[in-house]
Amino acid sequence: MKLFTYITLILILTSCSQESKNKSSTENLADPFLDDHSYSNLKEIKTRHLHLDLDINFESKKIYGVARHRMINLNKADTAIFDIKGLEIQKVTTGERNAEIEADFVIGKYDKDSILGQPLLVKINVEDSIINIYYKTSEYSEALDWLDPSLTSSKIHPFLYTQGQAILTRTWIPIQDSPSNRITYSADVKVPAKLRAVMSAKNDKKRNPTGLYHFEMNKSIPCYLIALAVGDLAYSSLSENTGFFCEPELSSQCKSEFVDLPKMLAVAEKIYGKYQWEQYDLLILPYSFPFGGMENPMLTFVNP
């Protein structure tokens, strides 16, 4: 009888211990800022809006950029931590454009598997709300795919597209690269005059002969959905809020392929209500695009 009581007591205690352990584990999983794949200190300070100034250079196959983070300091942090991988950080400043003050920063070591990249630690004052990171990409920027003309339909113009999922946005933008941090973004992008830039945002339907393009995404999205493509692109409208970008050589085939897109959107709206993203466009990538597609908001990337 004593042995039975002893065994029962052990089972109860073990059960209680296991229940407590499971509860603790569940609570950790429910923490919206728990992310083993990001160095960023989101519990303390996080990006609310990101503005990008980008210069796309096909000769060097590099992007020269400034990432202007408008931050929310949640816990009087004196350091903001960003994720980077394969980027060359040139300088960091705080403050509004034309009134910037240079800030101290440190780049940490690569993780042991070289998957996460490196942490970029920026020293700030508590009252600082804007952090500007000047940088350029490199041959190790894995999110960037630079296509030579031979890999496009025209065989004349080069092409560039980004693929940020799952944690590759940090390879072309210094950013707090966690899906728990949803942000709005805007961008000013300079490309060669014969090419056009498009992004996962509100796109200009007309080509700009100066090669300058502006973008706005006013809905909060995870960082892996910030997407860019540059190439010889034409736009075709299918309805008031649907259409597609593609290389001119593919226009007639694409129009035939996607002619029913407005009907599909209308049926979806009958089931789920008004389409919340306002515009549903497609970007038809060159045949060398190695993915089936990517659900970038307002501009789904698809393989022809």
Protein backbone atom coordinates (compact mmCIF):
# COMPACT_ATOMS: atom_id res chain seq x y z
CA MET A 1 0.00 0.00 0.00
CA LYS A 2 2.85 2.39 0.88
CA LEU A 3 4.55 1.55 -2.43
CA PHE A 4 1.33 2.32 -4.35
CA THR A 5 0.96 5.66 -2.52
CA TYR A 6 4.60 6.53 -3.26
CA ILE A 7 4.26 5.71 -6.98
CA THR A 8 1.01 7.68 -7.21
CA LEU A 9 2.65 10.71 -5.58
CA ILE A 10 5.56 10.56 -8.06
CA LEU A 11 3.13 10.39 -11.00
CA ILE A 12 1.17 13.40 -9.70
CA LEU A 13 4.32 15.46 -9.16
CA THR A 14 5.68 14.47 -12.57
CA SER A 15 2.36 15.38 -14.16
CA CYS A 16 2.32 18.77 -12.45
CA SER A 17 5.91 19.43 -13.49
CA GLN A 18 5.18 18.46 -17.10
CA GLU A 19 2.02 20.60 -17.14
CA SER A 20 3.99 23.58 -15.85
CA LYS A 21 6.70 22.96 -18.48
CA ASN A 22 4.14 22.71 -21.28
CA LYS A 23 2.39 25.87 -20.11
CA SER A 24 5.66 27.78 -20.08
CA SER A 25 6.49 26.48 -23.57
CA THR A 26 3.05 27.47 -24.85
CA GLU A 27 3.34 30.94 -23.36
CA ASN A 28 6.69 31.41 -25.13
CA LEU A 29 5.20 30.36 -28.45
CA ALA A 30 2.43 32.90 -27.98
CA ASP A 31 4.95 35.72 -27.59
CA PRO A 32 4.58 37.80 -30.78
CA PHE A 33 8.23 38.90 -30.58
CA LEU A 34 9.79 35.45 -30.23
CA ASP A 35 11.79 34.83 -33.38
CA ASP A 36 14.89 32.66 -33.42
CA HIS A 37 15.62 33.80 -36.97
CA SER A 38 16.10 37.50 -36.25
CA TYR A 39 18.62 39.44 -34.17
CA SER A 40 16.30 42.47 -33.87
CA ASN A 41 15.23 43.73 -30.43
CA LEU A 42 11.57 44.19 -31.33
CA LYS A 43 10.40 44.19 -27.71
CA GLU A 44 12.37 47.38 -27.21
CA ILE A 45 12.28 49.25 -30.52
CA LYS A 46 10.77 48.48 -33.91
CA THR A 47 10.23 49.95 -37.37
CA ARG A 48 6.83 51.50 -38.05
CA HIS A 49 7.53 52.77 -41.59
CA LEU A 50 10.44 52.19 -43.96
CA HIS A 51 11.41 54.49 -46.83
CA LEU A 52 13.94 53.27 -49.38
CA ASP A 53 16.13 55.37 -51.69
CA LEU A 54 17.51 52.91 -54.24
CA ASP A 55 19.83 53.22 -57.23
CA ILE A 56 19.87 50.05 -59.37
CA ASN A 57 23.17 49.49 -61.17
CA PHE A 58 23.20 46.65 -63.71
CA GLU A 59 26.85 47.16 -64.63
CA SER A 60 28.11 46.40 -61.12
CA LYS A 61 25.06 44.24 -60.29
CA LYS A 62 24.60 46.16 -57.08
CA ILE A 63 21.91 48.23 -55.39
CA TYR A 64 23.10 51.42 -53.71
CA GLY A 65 20.57 52.32 -51.07
CA VAL A 66 19.46 54.20 -48.00
CA ALA A 67 17.00 52.50 -45.65
CA ARG A 68 15.22 55.18 -43.62
CA HIS A 69 13.53 53.52 -40.64
CA ARG A 70 10.89 55.48 -38.72
CA MET A 71 10.96 53.76 -35.34
CA ILE A 72 8.77 53.30 -32.28
CA ASN A 73 10.87 53.15 -29.10
CA LEU A 74 8.81 50.92 -26.82
CA ASN A 75 11.18 50.58 -23.90
CA LYS A 76 13.58 53.57 -23.89
CA ALA A 77 16.14 51.57 -25.85
CA ASP A 78 19.58 53.10 -26.47
CA THR A 79 20.38 50.57 -29.23
CA ALA A 80 18.41 49.44 -32.29
CA ILE A 81 19.34 46.06 -33.78
CA PHE A 82 18.81 45.19 -37.45
CA ASP A 83 19.44 42.04 -39.52
CA ILE A 84 21.95 42.15 -42.37
CA LYS A 85 23.58 39.56 -44.60
CA GLY A 86 25.87 40.17 -47.56
CA LEU A 87 25.53 43.96 -47.23
CA GLU A 88 28.23 46.61 -47.01
CA ILE A 89 27.19 49.23 -44.47
CA GLN A 90 28.71 52.58 -45.37
CA LYS A 91 27.35 54.79 -42.60
CA VAL A 92 24.39 55.23 -40.26
CA THR A 93 22.69 58.48 -39.27
CA THR A 94 19.73 59.57 -37.18
CA GLY A 95 17.23 62.34 -37.92
CA GLU A 96 15.29 63.77 -40.84
CA ARG A 97 16.77 64.05 -44.31
CA ASN A 98 19.11 67.09 -44.62
CA ALA A 99 19.38 67.31 -40.83
CA GLU A 100 21.07 63.98 -40.13
CA ILE A 101 23.59 63.25 -37.38
CA GLU A 102 26.07 60.41 -37.82
CA ALA A 103 25.57 57.53 -35.38
CA ASP A 104 27.92 54.90 -34.01
CA PHE A 105 27.28 51.33 -35.09
CA VAL A 106 28.76 47.86 -34.64
CA ILE A 107 28.37 44.81 -36.88
CA GLY A 108 28.32 41.53 -34.98
CA LYS A 109 29.77 38.19 -36.06
CA TYR A 110 28.06 35.78 -38.43
CA ASP A 111 26.03 33.02 -36.81
CA LYS A 112 27.74 29.63 -36.79
CA ASP A 113 25.75 28.35 -39.79
CA SER A 114 25.92 31.65 -41.75
CA ILE A 115 22.15 31.48 -42.26
CA LEU A 116 21.01 34.40 -40.12
CA GLY A 117 23.75 36.75 -41.24
CA GLN A 118 24.90 39.42 -38.79
CA PRO A 119 23.34 41.84 -36.31
CA LEU A 120 23.77 45.55 -36.99
CA LEU A 121 23.70 47.43 -33.68
CA VAL A 122 23.05 51.18 -33.90
CA LYS A 123 23.61 53.45 -30.90
CA ILE A 124 20.79 55.98 -30.49
CA ASN A 125 19.40 58.53 -28.09
CA VAL A 126 16.03 57.71 -26.53
CA GLU A 127 14.40 60.55 -28.45
CA ASP A 128 15.71 59.40 -31.85
CA SER A 129 12.86 58.13 -34.05
CA ILE A 130 14.51 57.99 -37.50
CA ILE A 131 17.50 55.78 -38.34
CA ASN A 132 19.07 56.03 -41.82
CA ILE A 133 21.30 53.18 -42.98
CA TYR A 134 23.48 53.83 -46.06
CA TYR A 135 24.55 50.61 -47.75
CA LYS A 136 25.18 48.66 -50.92
CA THR A 137 24.46 45.06 -51.84
CA SER A 138 27.06 42.51 -52.90
CA GLU A 139 27.44 39.25 -54.79
CA TYR A 140 26.35 37.56 -51.54
CA SER A 141 22.93 39.28 -51.51
CA GLU A 142 20.93 36.09 -51.97
CA ALA A 143 17.54 37.75 -52.49
CA LEU A 144 18.74 39.37 -55.72
CA ASP A 145 18.66 37.54 -59.04
CA TRP A 146 20.40 39.51 -61.79
CA LEU A 147 19.44 38.05 -65.17
CA ASP A 148 21.66 38.64 -68.20
CA PRO A 149 19.80 39.58 -71.43
CA SER A 150 20.22 36.01 -72.71
CA LEU A 151 17.87 34.85 -69.92
CA THR A 152 15.04 37.21 -70.93
CA SER A 153 12.48 37.10 -73.73
CA SER A 154 13.91 40.06 -75.64
CA LYS A 155 17.54 38.90 -75.34
CA ILE A 156 18.34 42.64 -75.32
CA HIS A 157 17.73 44.00 -71.83
CA PRO A 158 18.80 42.63 -68.42
CA PHE A 159 16.35 41.87 -65.63
CA LEU A 160 16.38 41.94 -61.82
CA TYR A 161 13.93 40.50 -59.32
CA THR A 162 13.99 39.90 -55.56
CA GLN A 163 12.82 36.91 -53.53
CA GLY A 164 12.66 37.72 -49.81
CA GLN A 165 10.92 34.67 -48.41
CA ALA A 166 11.76 33.37 -45.88
CA ILE A 167 14.56 35.48 -44.32
CA LEU A 168 16.38 36.89 -47.36
CA THR A 169 15.11 40.48 -47.31
CA ARG A 170 18.04 41.20 -44.97
CA THR A 171 20.35 40.44 -47.92
CA TRP A 172 19.18 43.49 -49.88
CA ILE A 173 17.78 45.77 -47.15
CA PRO A 174 19.14 46.30 -43.61
CA ILE A 175 15.94 45.57 -41.70
CA GLN A 176 14.35 43.96 -38.65
CA ASP A 177 13.66 40.84 -40.66
CA SER A 178 10.89 39.19 -38.65
CA PRO A 179 7.28 38.61 -39.79
CA SER A 180 6.11 39.67 -36.32
CA ASN A 181 7.11 43.24 -37.25
CA ARG A 182 4.63 44.37 -39.89
CA ILE A 183 5.43 47.71 -41.49
CA THR A 184 4.34 50.11 -44.18
CA TYR A 185 6.91 51.20 -46.74
CA SER A 186 7.62 53.65 -49.54
CA ALA A 187 10.45 53.84 -52.06
CA ASP A 188 12.11 56.07 -54.63
CA VAL A 189 13.91 53.89 -57.17
CA LYS A 190 16.28 54.96 -59.97
CA VAL A 191 16.79 52.54 -62.88
CA PRO A 192 18.25 52.80 -66.41
CA ALA A 193 15.96 54.92 -68.59
CA LYS A 194 15.05 52.02 -70.93
CA LEU A 195 13.86 49.88 -68.03
CA ARG A 196 10.96 50.04 -65.56
CA ALA A 197 10.81 49.32 -61.83
CA VAL A 198 7.82 47.69 -60.11
CA MET A 199 7.29 46.79 -56.46
CA SER A 200 4.83 45.05 -54.14
CA ALA A 201 3.05 48.38 -53.70
CA LYS A 202 1.03 50.91 -55.67
CA ASN A 203 2.65 50.98 -59.12
CA ASP A 204 2.62 53.68 -61.79
CA LYS A 205 1.00 52.21 -64.92
CA LYS A 206 3.02 54.50 -67.21
CA ARG A 207 6.71 54.21 -67.96
CA ASN A 208 8.83 57.15 -66.76
CA PRO A 209 11.49 58.15 -69.36
CA THR A 210 13.72 59.51 -66.57
CA GLY A 211 13.96 56.08 -64.93
CA LEU A 212 12.67 57.43 -61.60
CA TYR A 213 9.81 55.60 -59.87
CA HIS A 214 7.96 56.17 -56.59
CA PHE A 215 6.08 53.50 -54.61
CA GLU A 216 3.72 53.46 -51.63
CA MET A 217 2.53 50.48 -49.59
CA ASN A 218 0.13 51.89 -47.00
CA LYS A 219 -0.88 48.55 -45.48
CA SER A 220 1.34 46.89 -42.89
CA ILE A 221 3.11 43.82 -44.28
CA PRO A 222 5.87 41.45 -43.10
CA CYS A 223 9.32 42.29 -44.41
CA TYR A 224 9.64 39.21 -46.64
CA LEU A 225 6.87 40.64 -48.85
CA ILE A 226 8.82 43.77 -49.80
CA ALA A 227 9.61 42.95 -53.43
CA LEU A 228 11.24 44.68 -56.41
CA ALA A 229 11.66 43.87 -60.09
CA VAL A 230 13.35 45.85 -62.86
CA GLY A 231 13.24 45.11 -66.56
CA ASP A 232 11.78 45.98 -69.96
CA LEU A 233 8.17 45.79 -68.77
CA ALA A 234 4.85 46.75 -70.36
CA TYR A 235 1.54 47.05 -68.51
CA SER A 236 -1.81 45.74 -69.75
CA SER A 237 -5.05 46.49 -67.93
CA LEU A 238 -7.69 43.76 -67.64
CA SER A 239 -10.19 45.76 -65.59
CA GLU A 240 -10.35 48.76 -63.29
CA ASN A 241 -8.36 46.94 -60.59
CA THR A 242 -6.61 44.05 -62.35
CA GLY A 243 -3.84 43.81 -64.92
CA PHE A 244 -0.35 42.52 -65.55
CA PHE A 245 3.23 43.59 -66.19
CA CYS A 246 5.38 41.50 -68.53
CA GLU A 247 8.07 41.72 -71.15
CA PRO A 248 6.49 43.14 -74.36
CA GLU A 249 7.20 39.89 -76.22
CA LEU A 250 4.83 38.04 -73.85
CA SER A 251 1.94 40.55 -73.87
CA SER A 252 -0.44 38.80 -76.29
CA GLN A 253 0.05 35.39 -74.70
CA CYS A 254 -0.43 36.83 -71.21
CA LYS A 255 -3.62 38.65 -72.19
CA SER A 256 -5.07 35.39 -73.48
CA GLU A 257 -3.92 33.46 -70.41
CA PHE A 258 -5.28 35.89 -67.81
CA VAL A 259 -8.39 37.23 -69.57
CA ASP A 260 -10.66 35.72 -66.88
CA LEU A 261 -8.81 37.31 -63.96
CA PRO A 262 -11.47 40.03 -63.40
CA LYS A 263 -14.20 37.35 -63.27
CA MET A 264 -12.18 35.35 -60.74
CA LEU A 265 -11.76 38.43 -58.53
CA ALA A 266 -15.50 39.19 -58.78
CA VAL A 267 -16.38 35.65 -57.66
CA ALA A 268 -13.89 35.87 -54.76
CA GLU A 269 -15.45 39.20 -53.66
CA LYS A 270 -18.91 37.63 -53.61
CA ILE A 271 -17.62 35.01 -51.19
CA TYR A 272 -15.26 37.05 -49.01
CA GLY A 273 -16.27 40.70 -49.50
CA LYS A 274 -14.48 43.60 -51.16
CA TYR A 275 -10.84 42.96 -52.08
CA GLN A 276 -8.88 44.74 -49.33
CA TRP A 277 -5.68 45.35 -51.29
CA GLU A 278 -7.50 47.53 -53.90
CA GLN A 279 -5.35 46.48 -56.88
CA TYR A 280 -4.55 42.93 -57.98
CA ASP A 281 -1.80 42.88 -60.61
CA LEU A 282 0.51 40.14 -61.85
CA LEU A 283 4.16 40.36 -62.79
CA ILE A 284 4.99 37.72 -65.40
CA LEU A 285 8.66 36.92 -64.91
CA PRO A 286 11.02 35.67 -67.64
CA TYR A 287 11.02 31.95 -68.33
CA SER A 288 14.16 31.58 -66.23
CA PHE A 289 12.22 32.51 -63.06
CA PRO A 290 12.73 29.35 -60.95
CA PHE A 291 9.62 29.59 -58.75
CA GLY A 292 5.96 28.85 -59.42
CA GLY A 293 4.97 32.19 -57.96
CA MET A 294 5.19 34.52 -54.97
CA GLU A 295 2.20 36.18 -53.31
CA ASN A 296 3.71 39.67 -53.07
CA PRO A 297 0.88 42.09 -52.17
CA MET A 298 -0.65 44.08 -55.06
CA LEU A 299 1.80 42.41 -57.47
CA THR A 300 1.93 38.59 -57.51
CA PHE A 301 5.14 37.29 -59.12
CA VAL A 302 4.36 34.36 -61.45
CA ASN A 303 6.21 32.10 -63.84
CA PRO A 304 4.93 32.13 -67.44
